[in-house]
C-alpha atoms as a PDB file:
ATOM      1  CA  MET A   1      16.564  20.233  -3.472  1.00  0.00           C
ATOM      2  CA  GLU A   2      19.577  17.337  -3.246  1.00  0.00           C
ATOM      3  CA  GLN A   3      18.784  14.304  -1.699  1.00  0.00           C
ATOM      4  CA  THR A   4      20.642  12.651   0.950  1.00  0.00           C
ATOM      5  CA  ASN A   5      20.908   8.392   1.070  1.00  0.00           C
ATOM      6  CA  ASP A   6      18.700   7.986   3.733  1.00  0.00           C
ATOM      7  CA  GLN A   7      15.684  10.239   2.044  1.00  0.00           C
ATOM      8  CA  VAL A   8      17.036   8.435  -1.202  1.00  0.00           C
ATOM      9  CA  LEU A   9      15.745   4.493   0.942  1.00  0.00           C
ATOM     10  CA  PHE A  10      12.818   6.209   2.723  1.00  0.00           C
ATOM     11  CA  MET A  11      11.573   6.666   0.156  1.00  0.00           C
ATOM     12  CA  GLN A  12      12.581   3.483  -1.829  1.00  0.00           C
ATOM     13  CA  LEU A  13      10.678   1.696   1.346  1.00  0.00           C
ATOM     14  CA  VAL A  14       7.607   3.532   1.144  1.00  0.00           C
ATOM     15  CA  ILE A  15       7.704   2.350  -2.664  1.00  0.00           C
ATOM     16  CA  GLN A  16       7.949  -0.661  -2.372  1.00  0.00           C
ATOM     17  CA  ASN A  17       5.373  -1.013   0.515  1.00  0.00           C
ATOM     18  CA  GLN A  18       3.084   0.563  -2.637  1.00  0.00           C
ATOM     19  CA  GLN A  19       4.123  -1.785  -4.843  1.00  0.00           C
ATOM     20  CA  ILE A  20       3.226  -4.646  -2.633  1.00  0.00           C
ATOM     21  CA  ALA A  21       0.362  -3.826  -2.159  1.00  0.00           C
ATOM     22  CA  LEU A  22      -0.734  -3.180  -4.874  1.00  0.00           C
ATOM     23  CA  MET A  23       0.098  -6.169  -6.474  1.00  0.00           C
ATOM     24  CA  SER A  24      -2.011  -7.436  -3.117  1.00  0.00           C
ATOM     25  CA  LEU A  25      -4.873  -5.627  -4.717  1.00  0.00           C
ATOM     26  CA  GLY A  26      -4.977  -7.047  -7.814  1.00  0.00           C
ATOM     27  CA  LYS A  27      -3.279  -3.482  -9.120  1.00  0.00           C
ATOM     28  CA  MET A  28      -0.553  -4.651 -10.530  1.00  0.00           C
ATOM     29  CA  LYS A  29       0.933  -7.945 -12.464  1.00  0.00           C
ATOM     30  CA  ASN A  30       3.259  -9.747 -10.024  1.00  0.00           C
ATOM     31  CA  PRO A  31       6.235  -9.649 -11.449  1.00  0.00           C
ATOM     32  CA  LEU A  32       6.846 -13.615 -10.591  1.00  0.00           C
ATOM     33  CA  THR A  33       3.372 -14.946 -12.058  1.00  0.00           C
ATOM     34  CA  ASP A  34       2.981 -12.630 -14.447  1.00  0.00           C
ATOM     35  CA  LYS A  35      -0.939 -12.460 -13.698  1.00  0.00           C
ATOM     36  CA  SER A  36      -2.954 -10.437 -11.453  1.00  0.00           C
ATOM     37  CA  GLU A  37      -3.920 -11.546  -8.601  1.00  0.00           C
ATOM     38  CA  ILE A  38      -5.854 -10.223  -4.752  1.00  0.00           C
ATOM     39  CA  ASN A  39      -4.576 -11.234  -1.721  1.00  0.00           C
ATOM     40  CA  LEU A  40      -6.819  -8.897   1.141  1.00  0.00           C
ATOM     41  CA  ASP A  41      -4.939 -10.520   3.647  1.00  0.00           C
ATOM     42  CA  TYR A  42      -0.821  -9.131   2.111  1.00  0.00           C
ATOM     43  CA  ALA A  43      -2.916  -6.142   0.562  1.00  0.00           C
ATOM     44  CA  LYS A  44      -3.579  -4.929   4.646  1.00  0.00           C
ATOM     45  CA  VAL A  45       0.092  -6.211   5.807  1.00  0.00           C
ATOM     46  CA  SER A  46       1.662  -3.623   3.876  1.00  0.00           C
ATOM     47  CA  ILE A  47      -0.571  -1.184   4.640  1.00  0.00           C
ATOM     48  CA  ASP A  48      -0.036  -1.751   8.105  1.00  0.00           C
ATOM     49  CA  THR A  49       3.189  -1.485   7.980  1.00  0.00           C
ATOM     50  CA  LEU A  50       3.461   2.238   6.454  1.00  0.00           C
ATOM     51  CA  ASP A  51       0.813   2.959   8.371  1.00  0.00           C
ATOM     52  CA  MET A  52       3.261   2.044  11.459  1.00  0.00           C
ATOM     53  CA  LEU A  53       5.994   3.369   9.851  1.00  0.00           C
ATOM     54  CA  LEU A  54       4.785   6.868   9.392  1.00  0.00           C
ATOM     55  CA  ASP A  55       4.018   6.999  13.283  1.00  0.00           C
ATOM     56  CA  LYS A  56       6.608   6.088  14.400  1.00  0.00           C
ATOM     57  CA  THR A  57       8.759   8.546  12.340  1.00  0.00           C
ATOM     58  CA  LYS A  58       5.835  11.022  13.066  1.00  0.00           C
ATOM     59  CA  GLY A  59       8.470  14.573  13.808  1.00  0.00           C
ATOM     60  CA  ASN A  60      11.516  12.995  11.790  1.00  0.00           C
ATOM     61  CA  LEU A  61      10.050  13.362   8.481  1.00  0.00           C
ATOM     62  CA  SER A  62      10.148  16.261   6.103  1.00  0.00           C
ATOM     63  CA  GLU A  63       7.029  17.534   4.693  1.00  0.00           C
ATOM     64  CA  TYR A  64       7.617  16.121   1.873  1.00  0.00           C
ATOM     65  CA  GLU A  65       8.109  13.419   3.334  1.00  0.00           C
ATOM     66  CA  GLU A  66       4.988  13.128   5.470  1.00  0.00           C
ATOM     67  CA  LYS A  67       2.564  14.776   2.815  1.00  0.00           C
ATOM     68  CA  PHE A  68       4.215  11.955   0.434  1.00  0.00           C
ATOM     69  CA  LEU A  69       3.493   8.777   2.865  1.00  0.00           C
ATOM     70  CA  THR A  70      -0.079  10.182   3.837  1.00  0.00           C
ATOM     71  CA  GLU A  71      -0.800   9.691   0.127  1.00  0.00           C
ATOM     72  CA  VAL A  72       0.282   6.532  -0.056  1.00  0.00           C
ATOM     73  CA  ILE A  73      -1.385   5.379   2.300  1.00  0.00           C
ATOM     74  CA  LYS A  74      -4.792   7.296   1.688  1.00  0.00           C
ATOM     75  CA  GLU A  75      -4.868   5.795  -1.612  1.00  0.00           C
ATOM     76  CA  LEU A  76      -4.018   2.491  -1.080  1.00  0.00           C
ATOM     77  CA  LYS A  77      -6.453   2.377   2.063  1.00  0.00           C
ATOM     78  CA  LEU A  78      -9.472   3.534  -0.570  1.00  0.00           C
ATOM     79  CA  THR A  79      -8.226   0.736  -2.744  1.00  0.00           C
ATOM     80  CA  TYR A  80      -8.649  -1.985  -0.207  1.00  0.00           C
ATOM     81  CA  VAL A  81     -12.486  -0.575   0.318  1.00  0.00           C
ATOM     82  CA  GLU A  82     -12.882  -1.118  -3.097  1.00  0.00           C
ATOM     83  CA  GLU A  83     -11.681  -4.796  -3.260  1.00  0.00           C
ATOM     84  CA  LEU A  84     -13.042  -5.873   0.053  1.00  0.00           C
ATOM     85  CA  GLY A  85     -16.729  -4.648  -0.911  1.00  0.00           C
ATOM     86  CA  LYS A  86     -16.728  -6.214  -3.980  1.00  0.00           C
ATOM     87  CA  GLU A  87     -15.083  -9.260  -2.213  1.00  0.00           C
ATOM     88  CA  GLN A  88     -18.190  -9.220   0.609  1.00  0.00           C
ATOM     89  CA  ASN A  89     -20.487  -8.453  -3.150  1.00  0.00           C
ATOM     90  CA  THR A  90     -19.020 -11.369  -4.870  1.00  0.00           C
ATOM     91  CA  LYS A  91     -19.102 -14.074  -1.571  1.00  0.00           C
ATOM     92  CA  GLU A  92     -22.955 -12.351  -0.944  1.00  0.00           C
ATOM     93  CA  GLU A  93     -23.904 -13.075  -4.597  1.00  0.00           C
ATOM     94  CA  LYS A  94     -22.629 -16.469  -4.194  1.00  0.00           C
ATOM     95  CA  LYS A  95     -24.975 -18.232  -0.929  1.00  0.00           C
ATOM     96  CA  PRO A  96     -28.416 -20.077  -1.770  1.00  0.00           C
END
């Protein structure tokens, strides 16, 4: 299957937001600091951006593009909920 330039750019956009979210979830090292850092607010922005992209491109994506984007969002949301739960448990443990 030959990809057009638009298809390649679309996939790159999805992957960029996925990587930003994974870095913000502590699942990838930040290349600037070489550390794993968690910032759930940043992760949520990237996930919400991908959700918006899916909504705004409804009916304009190939089956592969839509499935890829949907799977990326699903994976990120599951990871986000997992990290949010860890953060809440840590906060509860610190309470007197």
